């Protein structure tokens, strides 16, 4: 498939974002010297993030819209309390 890409990203924090959707929207919405990327629409269904992303080159090149699918997994920390009873 021309232009297809696949990769892995492991994060230990959502960087202050409310959840995986907000985090991924922010990762794919940016502007730099080469152009810009903008999430047009996204949703998180279960653990799967779907988005339509538009990228446009700054040099006047063509823009492209592509589908983005990310499988997410959130591990929530569990609190464990322990109590010890030391008798002398």
N, C-alpha and C. Protein backbone atom coordinates (compact mmCIF):
# COMPACT_ATOMS: atom_id res chain seq x y z
N UNK A 1 0.84 -1.19 0.00
CA UNK A 1 0.00 0.00 0.00
C UNK A 1 0.88 1.24 0.00
N UNK A 2 0.68 2.06 -0.96
CA UNK A 2 1.45 3.30 -1.05
C UNK A 2 1.04 4.25 0.08
N UNK A 3 2.03 4.75 0.78
CA UNK A 3 1.76 5.71 1.83
C UNK A 3 1.28 5.12 3.14
N UNK A 4 1.15 3.81 3.21
CA UNK A 4 0.70 3.19 4.46
C UNK A 4 1.85 3.14 5.46
N UNK A 5 1.54 3.33 6.71
CA UNK A 5 2.56 3.28 7.76
C UNK A 5 1.98 2.60 8.99
N UNK A 6 2.84 1.96 9.72
CA UNK A 6 2.42 1.32 10.96
C UNK A 6 3.55 1.46 11.96
N UNK A 7 3.20 1.70 13.19
CA UNK A 7 4.23 1.84 14.21
C UNK A 7 3.66 1.63 15.59
N UNK A 8 4.52 1.72 16.58
CA UNK A 8 4.13 1.52 17.96
C UNK A 8 4.55 2.72 18.79
N UNK A 9 3.73 3.08 19.72
CA UNK A 9 4.01 4.18 20.63
C UNK A 9 3.61 3.73 22.03
N UNK A 10 4.53 3.84 22.94
CA UNK A 10 4.25 3.49 24.33
C UNK A 10 4.40 4.74 25.18
N UNK A 11 3.37 5.05 25.94
CA UNK A 11 3.40 6.22 26.81
C UNK A 11 3.07 5.79 28.22
N UNK A 12 3.68 6.46 29.17
CA UNK A 12 3.37 6.16 30.57
C UNK A 12 2.52 7.25 31.21
N UNK A 13 2.24 8.29 30.44
CA UNK A 13 1.45 9.40 30.97
C UNK A 13 0.65 10.01 29.83
N UNK A 14 -0.49 10.56 30.15
CA UNK A 14 -1.28 11.27 29.14
C UNK A 14 -0.93 12.75 29.12
N UNK A 15 0.15 13.12 29.78
CA UNK A 15 0.63 14.49 29.74
C UNK A 15 -0.38 15.54 30.16
N UNK A 16 -1.20 15.22 31.13
CA UNK A 16 -2.17 16.19 31.63
C UNK A 16 -3.49 16.22 30.86
N UNK A 17 -3.61 15.40 29.82
CA UNK A 17 -4.86 15.36 29.05
C UNK A 17 -5.90 14.53 29.79
N UNK A 18 -7.17 14.81 29.54
CA UNK A 18 -8.26 14.16 30.25
C UNK A 18 -8.38 12.67 29.96
N UNK A 19 -7.93 12.23 28.79
CA UNK A 19 -8.04 10.83 28.42
C UNK A 19 -7.29 10.55 27.13
N UNK A 20 -7.33 9.30 26.66
CA UNK A 20 -6.60 8.92 25.45
C UNK A 20 -7.01 9.72 24.21
N UNK A 21 -8.31 9.98 24.06
CA UNK A 21 -8.77 10.74 22.88
C UNK A 21 -8.17 12.14 22.87
N UNK A 22 -8.25 12.85 23.97
CA UNK A 22 -7.68 14.20 24.05
C UNK A 22 -6.18 14.18 23.80
N UNK A 23 -5.51 13.19 24.35
CA UNK A 23 -4.06 13.07 24.17
C UNK A 23 -3.71 12.86 22.69
N UNK A 24 -4.39 11.90 22.05
CA UNK A 24 -4.08 11.61 20.64
C UNK A 24 -4.49 12.75 19.73
N UNK A 25 -5.62 13.42 20.00
CA UNK A 25 -6.00 14.60 19.22
C UNK A 25 -4.87 15.64 19.26
N UNK A 26 -4.30 15.86 20.43
CA UNK A 26 -3.22 16.84 20.58
C UNK A 26 -1.95 16.40 19.85
N UNK A 27 -1.66 15.10 19.85
CA UNK A 27 -0.45 14.61 19.18
C UNK A 27 -0.51 14.79 17.67
N UNK A 28 -1.71 14.73 17.10
CA UNK A 28 -1.85 14.82 15.65
C UNK A 28 -2.37 16.17 15.17
N UNK A 29 -2.44 17.14 16.07
CA UNK A 29 -2.79 18.52 15.70
C UNK A 29 -1.60 19.39 16.05
N UNK A 30 -0.92 19.87 15.01
CA UNK A 30 0.28 20.68 15.24
C UNK A 30 0.63 21.47 13.97
N UNK A 31 1.52 22.41 14.14
CA UNK A 31 2.05 23.19 13.03
C UNK A 31 3.55 23.30 13.22
N UNK A 32 4.31 23.10 12.14
CA UNK A 32 5.76 23.25 12.20
C UNK A 32 6.27 23.85 10.89
N UNK A 33 7.58 23.87 10.70
CA UNK A 33 8.18 24.50 9.51
C UNK A 33 7.76 23.82 8.21
N UNK A 34 7.41 22.54 8.27
CA UNK A 34 7.02 21.81 7.05
C UNK A 34 5.56 21.95 6.69
N UNK A 35 4.71 22.25 7.66
CA UNK A 35 3.29 22.36 7.38
C UNK A 35 2.47 22.20 8.64
N UNK A 36 1.23 21.73 8.43
CA UNK A 36 0.36 21.57 9.59
C UNK A 36 -0.40 20.24 9.49
N UNK A 37 -0.83 19.79 10.64
CA UNK A 37 -1.64 18.58 10.76
C UNK A 37 -2.80 18.92 11.68
N UNK A 38 -4.00 18.49 11.30
CA UNK A 38 -5.19 18.84 12.07
C UNK A 38 -6.15 17.65 12.12
N UNK A 39 -6.58 17.28 13.33
CA UNK A 39 -7.60 16.24 13.47
C UNK A 39 -8.94 16.87 13.11
N UNK A 40 -9.56 16.34 12.07
CA UNK A 40 -10.85 16.87 11.63
C UNK A 40 -11.99 16.34 12.48
N UNK A 41 -11.87 15.06 12.83
CA UNK A 41 -12.89 14.43 13.68
C UNK A 41 -12.30 13.16 14.27
N UNK A 42 -12.66 12.87 15.50
CA UNK A 42 -12.15 11.66 16.14
C UNK A 42 -13.17 11.10 17.12
N UNK A 43 -12.98 9.84 17.44
CA UNK A 43 -13.81 9.19 18.45
C UNK A 43 -13.00 8.08 19.09
N UNK A 44 -13.38 7.74 20.30
CA UNK A 44 -12.77 6.62 21.01
C UNK A 44 -13.90 5.63 21.30
N UNK A 45 -13.85 4.48 20.64
CA UNK A 45 -14.85 3.44 20.85
C UNK A 45 -14.17 2.28 21.57
N UNK A 46 -14.52 2.10 22.82
CA UNK A 46 -13.82 1.10 23.62
C UNK A 46 -12.37 1.53 23.78
N UNK A 47 -11.45 0.69 23.37
CA UNK A 47 -10.03 1.00 23.43
C UNK A 47 -9.46 1.40 22.08
N UNK A 48 -10.32 1.65 21.09
CA UNK A 48 -9.85 1.99 19.74
C UNK A 48 -10.18 3.43 19.40
N UNK A 49 -9.14 4.18 18.99
CA UNK A 49 -9.24 5.58 18.60
C UNK A 49 -9.28 5.65 17.08
N UNK A 50 -10.28 6.34 16.54
CA UNK A 50 -10.41 6.55 15.09
C UNK A 50 -10.39 8.05 14.83
N UNK A 51 -9.65 8.46 13.79
CA UNK A 51 -9.61 9.88 13.46
C UNK A 51 -9.43 10.10 11.97
N UNK A 52 -9.95 11.22 11.49
CA UNK A 52 -9.66 11.71 10.15
C UNK A 52 -8.70 12.88 10.36
N UNK A 53 -7.53 12.80 9.73
CA UNK A 53 -6.49 13.80 9.93
C UNK A 53 -6.13 14.44 8.59
N UNK A 54 -6.06 15.75 8.58
CA UNK A 54 -5.66 16.49 7.37
C UNK A 54 -4.24 17.01 7.58
N UNK A 55 -3.40 16.78 6.58
CA UNK A 55 -2.04 17.34 6.60
C UNK A 55 -1.85 18.19 5.37
N UNK A 56 -1.24 19.35 5.57
CA UNK A 56 -0.99 20.27 4.46
C UNK A 56 0.42 20.80 4.56
N UNK A 57 1.14 20.73 3.43
CA UNK A 57 2.51 21.22 3.38
C UNK A 57 2.52 22.74 3.30
N UNK A 58 3.48 23.35 3.96
CA UNK A 58 3.60 24.80 3.98
C UNK A 58 4.03 25.35 2.62
N UNK A 59 4.77 24.57 1.83
CA UNK A 59 5.29 25.04 0.54
C UNK A 59 4.24 25.09 -0.56
N UNK A 60 2.98 24.93 -0.20
CA UNK A 60 1.91 24.99 -1.19
C UNK A 60 1.59 23.65 -1.81
N UNK A 61 2.23 22.61 -1.34
CA UNK A 61 1.95 21.26 -1.84
C UNK A 61 0.54 20.84 -1.51
N UNK A 62 0.13 19.75 -2.10
CA UNK A 62 -1.23 19.26 -1.91
C UNK A 62 -1.46 18.84 -0.46
N UNK A 63 -2.70 18.99 -0.05
CA UNK A 63 -3.06 18.50 1.27
C UNK A 63 -3.60 17.09 1.12
N UNK A 64 -3.59 16.35 2.20
CA UNK A 64 -4.09 14.98 2.19
C UNK A 64 -4.86 14.72 3.48
N UNK A 65 -5.93 13.96 3.35
CA UNK A 65 -6.69 13.53 4.52
C UNK A 65 -6.53 12.02 4.62
N UNK A 66 -6.21 11.55 5.81
CA UNK A 66 -6.02 10.11 5.99
C UNK A 66 -6.73 9.63 7.24
N UNK A 67 -6.97 8.33 7.26
CA UNK A 67 -7.60 7.69 8.42
C UNK A 67 -6.52 7.23 9.37
N UNK A 68 -6.78 7.40 10.63
CA UNK A 68 -5.84 7.00 11.67
C UNK A 68 -6.58 6.09 12.65
N UNK A 69 -6.01 4.94 12.93
CA UNK A 69 -6.59 3.99 13.88
C UNK A 69 -5.51 3.66 14.90
N UNK A 70 -5.81 3.87 16.17
CA UNK A 70 -4.86 3.56 17.24
C UNK A 70 -5.54 2.65 18.25
N UNK A 71 -4.88 1.56 18.58
CA UNK A 71 -5.36 0.68 19.64
C UNK A 71 -4.75 1.17 20.94
N UNK A 72 -5.57 1.43 21.91
CA UNK A 72 -5.08 1.97 23.18
C UNK A 72 -5.30 0.95 24.29
N UNK A 73 -4.55 1.13 25.32
CA UNK A 73 -4.71 0.31 26.52
C UNK A 73 -4.37 1.18 27.70
N UNK A 74 -5.30 1.31 28.60
CA UNK A 74 -5.07 2.13 29.78
C UNK A 74 -5.01 1.24 31.00
N UNK A 75 -3.92 1.31 31.69
CA UNK A 75 -3.76 0.55 32.92
C UNK A 75 -3.93 1.52 34.08
N UNK A 76 -4.94 1.33 34.82
CA UNK A 76 -5.19 2.22 35.95
C UNK A 76 -4.49 1.65 37.19
N UNK A 77 -3.84 2.51 37.91
CA UNK A 77 -3.15 2.07 39.13
C UNK A 77 -4.19 1.67 40.17
N UNK A 78 -3.90 0.61 40.83
CA UNK A 78 -4.79 0.19 41.90
C UNK A 78 -4.10 0.47 43.23
N UNK A 79 -4.87 0.90 44.16
CA UNK A 79 -4.32 1.19 45.49
C UNK A 79 -4.48 -0.03 46.36
N UNK A 80 -3.41 -0.40 46.95
CA UNK A 80 -3.45 -1.52 47.88
C UNK A 80 -3.04 -1.02 49.25
N UNK A 81 -3.82 -1.35 50.20
CA UNK A 81 -3.47 -0.96 51.57
C UNK A 81 -3.13 -2.22 52.34
N UNK A 82 -2.12 -2.09 53.10
CA UNK A 82 -1.75 -3.24 53.95
C UNK A 82 -1.60 -2.76 55.38
N UNK A 83 -1.85 -3.67 56.26
CA UNK A 83 -1.79 -3.33 57.67
C UNK A 83 -0.98 -4.43 58.36
N UNK A 84 -0.06 -4.03 59.17
CA UNK A 84 0.70 -5.05 59.89
C UNK A 84 0.42 -4.91 61.39
N UNK A 85 0.36 -6.02 62.02
CA UNK A 85 0.10 -6.05 63.46
C UNK A 85 1.31 -6.68 64.12
N UNK A 86 2.12 -5.86 64.75
CA UNK A 86 3.32 -6.36 65.42
C UNK A 86 3.06 -6.38 66.91
N UNK A 87 3.14 -7.54 67.46
CA UNK A 87 2.91 -7.68 68.90
C UNK A 87 4.23 -8.05 69.58
N UNK A 88 4.46 -7.43 70.68
CA UNK A 88 5.69 -7.71 71.44
C UNK A 88 5.36 -8.55 72.62
